[in-house]
């Protein structure tokens, strides 16, 4: 039998802090830090962690945890 190797991929994306951000994932974790633009984070099977959000924040996950630290507004 053939077996695929286990692979982990991490993406670190740097954006201007006041730029609106929209992120989505089906089976990975999402994390943002120190952003002042609006954020929309959607996940199906993973955790969402937000630190230092000063803009509007919308976060949803079907089967993961949401952690928000030092945020201004959230839904």
C-alpha atoms as a PDB file:
ATOM      1  CA  UNK A   1       0.000   0.000   0.000  1.00  0.00           C
ATOM      2  CA  UNK A   2       0.948   3.582  -0.549  1.00  0.00           C
ATOM      3  CA  UNK A   3       0.973   5.995   2.371  1.00  0.00           C
ATOM      4  CA  UNK A   4       1.142   9.789   2.080  1.00  0.00           C
ATOM      5  CA  UNK A   5       3.745  11.410   4.357  1.00  0.00           C
ATOM      6  CA  UNK A   6       2.417  13.580   7.171  1.00  0.00           C
ATOM      7  CA  UNK A   7       2.990  17.234   6.320  1.00  0.00           C
ATOM      8  CA  UNK A   8       2.390  20.421   8.304  1.00  0.00           C
ATOM      9  CA  UNK A   9       2.230  23.752   6.509  1.00  0.00           C
ATOM     10  CA  UNK A  10       2.297  27.119   8.292  1.00  0.00           C
ATOM     11  CA  UNK A  11       1.680  30.399   6.527  1.00  0.00           C
ATOM     12  CA  UNK A  12       2.659  33.697   8.134  1.00  0.00           C
ATOM     13  CA  UNK A  13       1.163  36.652   6.293  1.00  0.00           C
ATOM     14  CA  UNK A  14       2.065  40.196   7.259  1.00  0.00           C
ATOM     15  CA  UNK A  15      -0.473  42.878   6.372  1.00  0.00           C
ATOM     16  CA  UNK A  16      -0.785  46.567   7.263  1.00  0.00           C
ATOM     17  CA  UNK A  17      -2.493  46.679  10.662  1.00  0.00           C
ATOM     18  CA  UNK A  18      -5.490  48.717   9.431  1.00  0.00           C
ATOM     19  CA  UNK A  19      -6.226  46.565   6.355  1.00  0.00           C
ATOM     20  CA  UNK A  20      -9.521  44.586   6.487  1.00  0.00           C
ATOM     21  CA  UNK A  21      -8.801  40.841   6.700  1.00  0.00           C
ATOM     22  CA  UNK A  22     -10.980  37.914   5.674  1.00  0.00           C
ATOM     23  CA  UNK A  23      -9.620  34.413   6.390  1.00  0.00           C
ATOM     24  CA  UNK A  24     -11.202  30.994   5.919  1.00  0.00           C
ATOM     25  CA  UNK A  25     -10.054  27.457   6.583  1.00  0.00           C
ATOM     26  CA  UNK A  26     -11.632  24.025   6.483  1.00  0.00           C
ATOM     27  CA  UNK A  27      -9.232  22.124   8.738  1.00  0.00           C
ATOM     28  CA  UNK A  28      -6.534  24.443  10.064  1.00  0.00           C
ATOM     29  CA  UNK A  29      -6.156  26.943  12.874  1.00  0.00           C
ATOM     30  CA  UNK A  30      -6.406  30.701  12.252  1.00  0.00           C
ATOM     31  CA  UNK A  31      -4.535  33.293  14.322  1.00  0.00           C
ATOM     32  CA  UNK A  32      -4.291  37.096  14.093  1.00  0.00           C
ATOM     33  CA  UNK A  33      -2.478  39.630  16.240  1.00  0.00           C
ATOM     34  CA  UNK A  34      -2.555  43.431  16.658  1.00  0.00           C
ATOM     35  CA  UNK A  35      -4.848  44.345  13.759  1.00  0.00           C
ATOM     36  CA  UNK A  36      -7.056  47.454  13.751  1.00  0.00           C
ATOM     37  CA  UNK A  37      -8.937  46.755  10.509  1.00  0.00           C
ATOM     38  CA  UNK A  38     -12.141  44.725  10.382  1.00  0.00           C
ATOM     39  CA  UNK A  39     -11.661  40.954  10.572  1.00  0.00           C
ATOM     40  CA  UNK A  40     -13.887  38.131   9.346  1.00  0.00           C
ATOM     41  CA  UNK A  41     -12.594  34.690  10.329  1.00  0.00           C
ATOM     42  CA  UNK A  42     -14.426  31.487   9.365  1.00  0.00           C
ATOM     43  CA  UNK A  43     -13.328  27.960  10.151  1.00  0.00           C
ATOM     44  CA  UNK A  44     -14.898  24.540   9.776  1.00  0.00           C
ATOM     45  CA  UNK A  45     -12.675  22.282  11.854  1.00  0.00           C
ATOM     46  CA  UNK A  46     -10.019  24.314  13.624  1.00  0.00           C
ATOM     47  CA  UNK A  47      -9.377  26.864  16.324  1.00  0.00           C
ATOM     48  CA  UNK A  48      -9.420  30.655  15.991  1.00  0.00           C
ATOM     49  CA  UNK A  49      -7.156  32.846  18.146  1.00  0.00           C
ATOM     50  CA  UNK A  50      -7.297  36.655  18.041  1.00  0.00           C
ATOM     51  CA  UNK A  51      -5.046  38.968  20.054  1.00  0.00           C
ATOM     52  CA  UNK A  52      -5.219  42.754  20.074  1.00  0.00           C
ATOM     53  CA  UNK A  53      -8.119  43.384  17.650  1.00  0.00           C
ATOM     54  CA  UNK A  54      -9.175  47.038  17.573  1.00  0.00           C
ATOM     55  CA  UNK A  55     -11.587  46.851  14.622  1.00  0.00           C
ATOM     56  CA  UNK A  56     -14.820  44.901  14.168  1.00  0.00           C
ATOM     57  CA  UNK A  57     -14.342  41.149  14.580  1.00  0.00           C
ATOM     58  CA  UNK A  58     -16.589  38.359  13.289  1.00  0.00           C
ATOM     59  CA  UNK A  59     -15.402  34.834  14.061  1.00  0.00           C
ATOM     60  CA  UNK A  60     -17.108  31.470  13.613  1.00  0.00           C
ATOM     61  CA  UNK A  61     -16.062  27.835  13.733  1.00  0.00           C
ATOM     62  CA  UNK A  62     -18.077  24.647  13.442  1.00  0.00           C
ATOM     63  CA  UNK A  63     -15.970  22.360  15.640  1.00  0.00           C
ATOM     64  CA  UNK A  64     -13.140  24.397  17.120  1.00  0.00           C
ATOM     65  CA  UNK A  65     -12.471  26.845  19.929  1.00  0.00           C
ATOM     66  CA  UNK A  66     -12.429  30.640  19.691  1.00  0.00           C
ATOM     67  CA  UNK A  67     -10.034  32.583  21.890  1.00  0.00           C
ATOM     68  CA  UNK A  68     -10.119  36.405  21.875  1.00  0.00           C
ATOM     69  CA  UNK A  69      -7.768  38.478  24.016  1.00  0.00           C
ATOM     70  CA  UNK A  70      -7.699  42.303  24.229  1.00  0.00           C
ATOM     71  CA  UNK A  71     -10.383  42.993  21.629  1.00  0.00           C
ATOM     72  CA  UNK A  72     -12.628  46.002  21.026  1.00  0.00           C
ATOM     73  CA  UNK A  73     -15.774  44.657  19.295  1.00  0.00           C
ATOM     74  CA  UNK A  74     -16.744  41.103  18.406  1.00  0.00           C
ATOM     75  CA  UNK A  75     -19.566  38.937  17.145  1.00  0.00           C
END
